[in-house]
Amino acid sequence: MRRMIPTLLAAAALLGIGTAAGAAPAAHEAAPASAWTSASLRQALAALPPGDAKRGEQVHRQMFCASCHGEVGVAPTLNWAHLAGQKASYTAKMLLDYQQGRRLETEGARLMRDVAQMLTPQQIADVAAYYASLPLPRDDGTPRPVSSVTHA
């Protein structure tokens, strides 16, 4: 038992350091980009090359987008957005937001920032075209968890 105490104390100290480091924002995170103006957003979207849905499907698979957003852009849970049927300009704008640090409000947003920063402008345009080419999810076909909460 006496030999375990130093080990337990060391583990507790490391856990405390790890927790404190996890609670604080990472030092390498850059300050978020300034907000879009109408003109700057139009300019950024116009600067993107034309998207190709076939190549976008490849990006969807290569970047493991289906892990969160579903095989065909329909998210399997409420934790992630449906992308099927979304306008290409909206998807491209959101990817630019993540890429440039405009959206960092949740861990999911930080994950999306990391993914978006790996995308080229062509890949952004292509994956946006892919999701726009998919049909909107139907209410009866959208997987949703059954809630145990009853509404009064």
Protein backbone atom coordinates (compact mmCIF):
# COMPACT_ATOMS: atom_id res chain seq x y z
CA MET A 1 0.00 0.00 0.00
CA ARG A 2 2.82 2.40 0.86
CA ARG A 3 4.36 1.89 -2.59
CA MET A 4 1.06 2.80 -4.25
CA ILE A 5 0.71 6.19 -2.56
CA PRO A 6 3.50 7.93 -4.54
CA THR A 7 2.12 6.43 -7.75
CA LEU A 8 -1.39 7.61 -6.94
CA LEU A 9 -0.12 11.09 -6.05
CA ALA A 10 1.82 11.31 -9.32
CA ALA A 11 -1.22 10.17 -11.30
CA ALA A 12 -3.43 12.71 -9.52
CA ALA A 13 -0.93 15.49 -10.23
CA LEU A 14 -0.73 14.56 -13.92
CA LEU A 15 -4.49 14.36 -14.13
CA GLY A 16 -4.77 17.82 -12.61
CA ILE A 17 -2.24 19.23 -15.07
CA GLY A 18 -4.02 17.60 -18.01
CA THR A 19 -7.40 18.86 -16.86
CA ALA A 20 -6.13 22.40 -16.36
CA ALA A 21 -4.48 22.37 -19.77
CA GLY A 22 -7.64 21.04 -21.39
CA ALA A 23 -9.79 23.73 -19.79
CA ALA A 24 -7.73 26.62 -21.12
CA PRO A 25 -7.80 27.58 -24.81
CA ALA A 26 -4.82 26.27 -26.71
CA ALA A 27 -2.00 28.75 -27.00
CA HIS A 28 -1.63 28.00 -30.72
CA GLU A 29 -5.20 29.07 -31.55
CA ALA A 30 -5.15 32.22 -33.62
CA ALA A 31 -7.54 35.05 -32.99
CA PRO A 32 -10.75 34.60 -34.95
CA ALA A 33 -11.02 36.34 -38.29
CA SER A 34 -13.11 39.47 -38.47
CA ALA A 35 -16.77 39.15 -39.39
CA TRP A 36 -17.79 39.00 -43.02
CA THR A 37 -19.17 42.07 -44.70
CA SER A 38 -21.59 41.54 -47.57
CA ALA A 39 -18.88 42.56 -50.01
CA SER A 40 -16.13 40.39 -48.50
CA LEU A 41 -18.40 37.33 -48.42
CA ARG A 42 -19.48 37.81 -52.04
CA GLN A 43 -15.83 38.23 -53.02
CA ALA A 44 -14.72 35.09 -51.12
CA LEU A 45 -17.48 32.96 -52.65
CA ALA A 46 -16.82 34.35 -56.14
CA ALA A 47 -13.12 33.50 -55.76
CA LEU A 48 -13.93 29.80 -55.33
CA PRO A 49 -13.58 27.73 -58.50
CA PRO A 50 -16.65 25.98 -59.93
CA GLY A 51 -17.48 22.89 -57.90
CA ASP A 52 -17.83 19.36 -59.25
CA ALA A 53 -20.23 17.06 -57.38
CA LYS A 54 -18.39 13.85 -58.42
CA ARG A 55 -15.11 15.13 -57.04
CA GLY A 56 -17.00 16.43 -54.01
CA GLU A 57 -18.23 12.92 -53.27
CA GLN A 58 -14.59 11.80 -53.25
CA VAL A 59 -13.72 14.60 -50.81
CA HIS A 60 -16.69 13.55 -48.63
CA ARG A 61 -15.27 10.01 -48.47
CA GLN A 62 -11.57 10.92 -48.17
CA MET A 63 -12.15 13.40 -45.35
CA PHE A 64 -14.48 10.99 -43.49
CA CYS A 65 -17.34 13.50 -43.52
CA ALA A 66 -19.78 10.59 -43.30
CA SER A 67 -18.54 9.89 -39.77
CA CYS A 68 -20.62 12.81 -38.54
CA HIS A 69 -22.78 13.94 -41.46
CA GLY A 70 -23.88 10.51 -42.71
CA GLU A 71 -23.17 8.51 -45.86
CA VAL A 72 -25.36 10.75 -48.03
CA GLY A 73 -25.27 13.96 -46.02
CA VAL A 74 -28.01 12.99 -43.56
CA ALA A 75 -26.57 13.06 -40.04
CA PRO A 76 -27.37 9.99 -37.93
CA THR A 77 -27.82 12.04 -34.74
CA LEU A 78 -28.85 15.49 -33.58
CA ASN A 79 -25.21 16.29 -32.80
CA TRP A 80 -24.33 17.12 -36.42
CA ALA A 81 -25.93 19.04 -39.25
CA HIS A 82 -27.61 17.49 -42.28
CA LEU A 83 -25.77 18.64 -45.38
CA ALA A 84 -27.83 16.90 -48.08
CA GLY A 85 -29.67 19.42 -50.23
CA GLN A 86 -27.94 22.40 -48.65
CA LYS A 87 -27.16 25.28 -51.02
CA ALA A 88 -23.57 25.14 -52.24
CA SER A 89 -22.94 28.77 -51.32
CA TYR A 90 -24.05 28.13 -47.73
CA THR A 91 -21.88 25.03 -47.32
CA ALA A 92 -18.91 26.84 -48.86
CA LYS A 93 -19.45 29.84 -46.56
CA MET A 94 -19.57 27.61 -43.48
CA LEU A 95 -16.39 25.79 -44.52
CA LEU A 96 -14.66 29.14 -45.03
CA ASP A 97 -15.91 30.23 -41.59
CA TYR A 98 -14.39 27.13 -40.00
CA GLN A 99 -11.21 27.37 -42.06
CA GLN A 100 -10.61 30.99 -41.07
CA GLY A 101 -11.48 30.58 -37.39
CA ARG A 102 -14.82 32.38 -37.44
CA ARG A 103 -16.61 29.45 -35.79
CA LEU A 104 -14.97 28.00 -32.70
CA GLU A 105 -17.89 27.86 -30.27
CA THR A 106 -17.84 24.10 -29.58
CA GLU A 107 -15.53 21.11 -29.78
CA GLY A 108 -17.40 20.14 -32.94
CA ALA A 109 -16.56 23.54 -34.41
CA ARG A 110 -12.90 23.07 -33.52
CA LEU A 111 -12.95 19.68 -35.22
CA MET A 112 -14.51 21.27 -38.31
CA ARG A 113 -11.86 24.00 -38.24
CA ASP A 114 -9.13 21.37 -38.30
CA VAL A 115 -10.78 19.53 -41.20
CA ALA A 116 -11.56 22.70 -43.16
CA GLN A 117 -7.98 23.92 -42.84
CA MET A 118 -6.90 20.82 -44.79
CA LEU A 119 -9.21 21.66 -47.71
CA THR A 120 -8.18 23.54 -50.83
CA PRO A 121 -10.55 26.08 -52.38
CA GLN A 122 -11.30 23.50 -55.10
CA GLN A 123 -12.19 20.85 -52.52
CA ILE A 124 -14.46 23.31 -50.70
CA ALA A 125 -16.28 24.09 -53.95
CA ASP A 126 -16.48 20.40 -54.87
CA VAL A 127 -17.84 19.14 -51.56
CA ALA A 128 -20.32 22.02 -51.46
CA ALA A 129 -21.51 21.04 -54.96
CA TYR A 130 -21.80 17.41 -53.85
CA TYR A 131 -24.06 18.20 -50.89
CA ALA A 132 -26.15 20.55 -53.04
CA SER A 133 -26.67 17.72 -55.55
CA LEU A 134 -28.20 15.44 -52.91
CA PRO A 135 -31.93 15.45 -52.18
CA LEU A 136 -33.13 17.12 -49.00
CA PRO A 137 -33.74 14.59 -46.22
CA ARG A 138 -37.35 13.55 -45.78
CA ASP A 139 -38.85 13.93 -42.33
CA ASP A 140 -39.86 10.28 -42.23
CA GLY A 141 -36.42 9.14 -43.38
CA THR A 142 -34.34 11.24 -41.05
CA PRO A 143 -32.84 9.11 -38.30
CA ARG A 144 -33.56 10.65 -34.93
CA PRO A 145 -33.30 9.23 -31.44
CA VAL A 146 -36.48 8.55 -29.55
CA SER A 147 -36.78 11.00 -26.68
CA SER A 148 -37.71 9.74 -23.26
CA VAL A 149 -38.83 13.24 -22.31
CA THR A 150 -42.54 13.88 -22.53
CA HIS A 151 -43.82 17.34 -23.23
CA ALA A 152 -46.72 18.63 -21.15
